[in-house]
């Protein structure tokens, strides 16, 4: 059973509005993905988690572990530093979020905006 060549093209014919709507939808999904996977979120989250772990380790260190580091509770200070750095990254993300993408140049304006 063979199809008529014109019928094949009819099934895949999209109007200009359908294509523009699809492109707009994909751009929106792309912008959402960019905000979700912003490196500041990933780096800040990891530093906060590891900072909490290392700070707890520093609080519970024995005197022998502190003496090994020449009297400095290195785990406590490193954990606090990691926490501060992680909070900095997360605050930076909150105060300066990823801007939405600019509309593409050269495309016709949407109908009804005149």
C-alpha atoms as a PDB file:
ATOM      1  CA  UNK A   1       0.000   0.000   0.000  1.00  0.00           C
ATOM      2  CA  UNK A   2       1.634   3.252  -1.114  1.00  0.00           C
ATOM      3  CA  UNK A   3       0.761   6.706   0.036  1.00  0.00           C
ATOM      4  CA  UNK A   4       0.197   9.639  -2.196  1.00  0.00           C
ATOM      5  CA  UNK A   5       3.201  12.009  -1.896  1.00  0.00           C
ATOM      6  CA  UNK A   6       0.990  15.031  -1.125  1.00  0.00           C
ATOM      7  CA  UNK A   7      -0.632  13.238   1.823  1.00  0.00           C
ATOM      8  CA  UNK A   8       2.771  12.627   3.376  1.00  0.00           C
ATOM      9  CA  UNK A   9       3.474  16.373   3.469  1.00  0.00           C
ATOM     10  CA  UNK A  10       0.012  17.166   4.836  1.00  0.00           C
ATOM     11  CA  UNK A  11       0.653  15.115   7.971  1.00  0.00           C
ATOM     12  CA  UNK A  12       3.781  17.094   8.823  1.00  0.00           C
ATOM     13  CA  UNK A  13       2.598  20.578   7.891  1.00  0.00           C
ATOM     14  CA  UNK A  14       2.878  23.025  10.775  1.00  0.00           C
ATOM     15  CA  UNK A  15       1.737  26.600  10.720  1.00  0.00           C
ATOM     16  CA  UNK A  16       4.096  29.452  11.542  1.00  0.00           C
ATOM     17  CA  UNK A  17       2.218  29.984  14.843  1.00  0.00           C
ATOM     18  CA  UNK A  18       2.670  26.309  15.824  1.00  0.00           C
ATOM     19  CA  UNK A  19       6.407  26.503  15.233  1.00  0.00           C
ATOM     20  CA  UNK A  20       6.719  29.806  17.133  1.00  0.00           C
ATOM     21  CA  UNK A  21       4.703  28.392  20.056  1.00  0.00           C
ATOM     22  CA  UNK A  22       6.933  25.302  20.176  1.00  0.00           C
ATOM     23  CA  UNK A  23      10.104  27.404  20.078  1.00  0.00           C
ATOM     24  CA  UNK A  24       8.807  29.631  22.898  1.00  0.00           C
ATOM     25  CA  UNK A  25       7.947  26.579  24.994  1.00  0.00           C
ATOM     26  CA  UNK A  26      11.399  25.040  24.474  1.00  0.00           C
ATOM     27  CA  UNK A  27      13.104  28.340  25.359  1.00  0.00           C
ATOM     28  CA  UNK A  28      11.109  28.464  28.592  1.00  0.00           C
ATOM     29  CA  UNK A  29      12.133  24.911  29.489  1.00  0.00           C
ATOM     30  CA  UNK A  30      15.757  25.739  28.690  1.00  0.00           C
ATOM     31  CA  UNK A  31      15.703  28.814  30.937  1.00  0.00           C
ATOM     32  CA  UNK A  32      14.182  26.755  33.766  1.00  0.00           C
ATOM     33  CA  UNK A  33      16.894  24.116  33.380  1.00  0.00           C
ATOM     34  CA  UNK A  34      19.576  26.818  33.411  1.00  0.00           C
ATOM     35  CA  UNK A  35      18.228  28.207  36.691  1.00  0.00           C
ATOM     36  CA  UNK A  36      17.978  24.743  38.275  1.00  0.00           C
ATOM     37  CA  UNK A  37      21.525  23.769  37.314  1.00  0.00           C
ATOM     38  CA  UNK A  38      23.128  27.111  38.147  1.00  0.00           C
ATOM     39  CA  UNK A  39      26.630  26.311  39.418  1.00  0.00           C
ATOM     40  CA  UNK A  40      26.215  28.667  42.361  1.00  0.00           C
ATOM     41  CA  UNK A  41      23.405  26.454  43.672  1.00  0.00           C
ATOM     42  CA  UNK A  42      25.444  23.266  43.291  1.00  0.00           C
ATOM     43  CA  UNK A  43      28.681  24.691  44.739  1.00  0.00           C
ATOM     44  CA  UNK A  44      26.891  26.498  47.572  1.00  0.00           C
ATOM     45  CA  UNK A  45      24.848  23.435  48.502  1.00  0.00           C
ATOM     46  CA  UNK A  46      27.877  21.149  48.551  1.00  0.00           C
ATOM     47  CA  UNK A  47      29.941  23.565  50.631  1.00  0.00           C
ATOM     48  CA  UNK A  48      27.104  23.935  53.152  1.00  0.00           C
ATOM     49  CA  UNK A  49      26.638  20.155  53.478  1.00  0.00           C
ATOM     50  CA  UNK A  50      30.364  19.434  53.772  1.00  0.00           C
ATOM     51  CA  UNK A  51      30.819  22.455  56.044  1.00  0.00           C
ATOM     52  CA  UNK A  52      28.215  21.074  58.453  1.00  0.00           C
ATOM     53  CA  UNK A  53      29.925  17.667  58.460  1.00  0.00           C
ATOM     54  CA  UNK A  54      33.418  19.095  59.021  1.00  0.00           C
ATOM     55  CA  UNK A  55      32.181  21.549  61.681  1.00  0.00           C
ATOM     56  CA  UNK A  56      30.509  18.730  63.633  1.00  0.00           C
ATOM     57  CA  UNK A  57      33.745  16.749  63.316  1.00  0.00           C
ATOM     58  CA  UNK A  58      35.663  19.751  64.643  1.00  0.00           C
ATOM     59  CA  UNK A  59      33.315  20.164  67.597  1.00  0.00           C
ATOM     60  CA  UNK A  60      33.668  16.490  68.527  1.00  0.00           C
ATOM     61  CA  UNK A  61      37.461  16.254  67.937  1.00  0.00           C
ATOM     62  CA  UNK A  62      39.552  14.842  70.735  1.00  0.00           C
ATOM     63  CA  UNK A  63      42.419  16.760  72.287  1.00  0.00           C
ATOM     64  CA  UNK A  64      44.851  14.339  70.602  1.00  0.00           C
ATOM     65  CA  UNK A  65      43.521  15.343  67.155  1.00  0.00           C
ATOM     66  CA  UNK A  66      43.871  19.026  68.035  1.00  0.00           C
ATOM     67  CA  UNK A  67      47.412  18.462  69.324  1.00  0.00           C
ATOM     68  CA  UNK A  68      48.271  16.739  66.031  1.00  0.00           C
ATOM     69  CA  UNK A  69      47.456  20.029  64.265  1.00  0.00           C
ATOM     70  CA  UNK A  70      49.760  21.953  66.629  1.00  0.00           C
ATOM     71  CA  UNK A  71      46.930  23.106  68.865  1.00  0.00           C
ATOM     72  CA  UNK A  72      44.604  24.373  66.138  1.00  0.00           C
ATOM     73  CA  UNK A  73      41.172  22.813  65.782  1.00  0.00           C
ATOM     74  CA  UNK A  74      41.584  22.687  62.017  1.00  0.00           C
ATOM     75  CA  UNK A  75      38.347  20.781  61.384  1.00  0.00           C
ATOM     76  CA  UNK A  76      36.297  23.385  63.231  1.00  0.00           C
ATOM     77  CA  UNK A  77      37.875  26.334  61.416  1.00  0.00           C
ATOM     78  CA  UNK A  78      37.746  24.631  58.022  1.00  0.00           C
ATOM     79  CA  UNK A  79      34.101  23.662  58.568  1.00  0.00           C
ATOM     80  CA  UNK A  80      33.157  27.213  59.519  1.00  0.00           C
ATOM     81  CA  UNK A  81      34.988  28.525  56.444  1.00  0.00           C
ATOM     82  CA  UNK A  82      33.196  26.048  54.205  1.00  0.00           C
ATOM     83  CA  UNK A  83      29.842  26.999  55.730  1.00  0.00           C
ATOM     84  CA  UNK A  84      30.506  30.697  55.138  1.00  0.00           C
ATOM     85  CA  UNK A  85      31.574  30.084  51.545  1.00  0.00           C
ATOM     86  CA  UNK A  86      28.492  27.948  50.868  1.00  0.00           C
ATOM     87  CA  UNK A  87      26.200  30.564  52.389  1.00  0.00           C
ATOM     88  CA  UNK A  88      27.927  33.222  50.266  1.00  0.00           C
ATOM     89  CA  UNK A  89      27.212  31.271  47.060  1.00  0.00           C
ATOM     90  CA  UNK A  90      23.568  30.664  48.010  1.00  0.00           C
ATOM     91  CA  UNK A  91      23.078  34.330  48.997  1.00  0.00           C
ATOM     92  CA  UNK A  92      24.668  35.398  45.702  1.00  0.00           C
ATOM     93  CA  UNK A  93      22.217  33.145  43.865  1.00  0.00           C
ATOM     94  CA  UNK A  94      19.278  34.630  45.784  1.00  0.00           C
ATOM     95  CA  UNK A  95      20.370  38.269  45.369  1.00  0.00           C
ATOM     96  CA  UNK A  96      21.438  38.010  41.708  1.00  0.00           C
ATOM     97  CA  UNK A  97      19.332  35.265  40.076  1.00  0.00           C
ATOM     98  CA  UNK A  98      19.975  34.058  36.551  1.00  0.00           C
ATOM     99  CA  UNK A  99      18.327  36.575  34.204  1.00  0.00           C
ATOM    100  CA  UNK A 100      15.662  35.274  31.828  1.00  0.00           C
ATOM    101  CA  UNK A 101      16.848  34.784  28.257  1.00  0.00           C
ATOM    102  CA  UNK A 102      16.441  37.693  25.867  1.00  0.00           C
ATOM    103  CA  UNK A 103      13.932  37.239  23.040  1.00  0.00           C
ATOM    104  CA  UNK A 104      15.563  36.160  19.783  1.00  0.00           C
ATOM    105  CA  UNK A 105      16.430  38.979  17.398  1.00  0.00           C
ATOM    106  CA  UNK A 106      14.871  39.199  13.962  1.00  0.00           C
ATOM    107  CA  UNK A 107      11.654  37.272  14.652  1.00  0.00           C
ATOM    108  CA  UNK A 108       8.355  38.941  13.859  1.00  0.00           C
ATOM    109  CA  UNK A 109       6.418  40.340  16.807  1.00  0.00           C
ATOM    110  CA  UNK A 110       3.448  38.364  18.053  1.00  0.00           C
ATOM    111  CA  UNK A 111       0.096  39.310  16.593  1.00  0.00           C
ATOM    112  CA  UNK A 112      -2.108  41.524  18.691  1.00  0.00           C
ATOM    113  CA  UNK A 113       0.659  43.550  20.337  1.00  0.00           C
ATOM    114  CA  UNK A 114       0.211  46.588  18.114  1.00  0.00           C
END
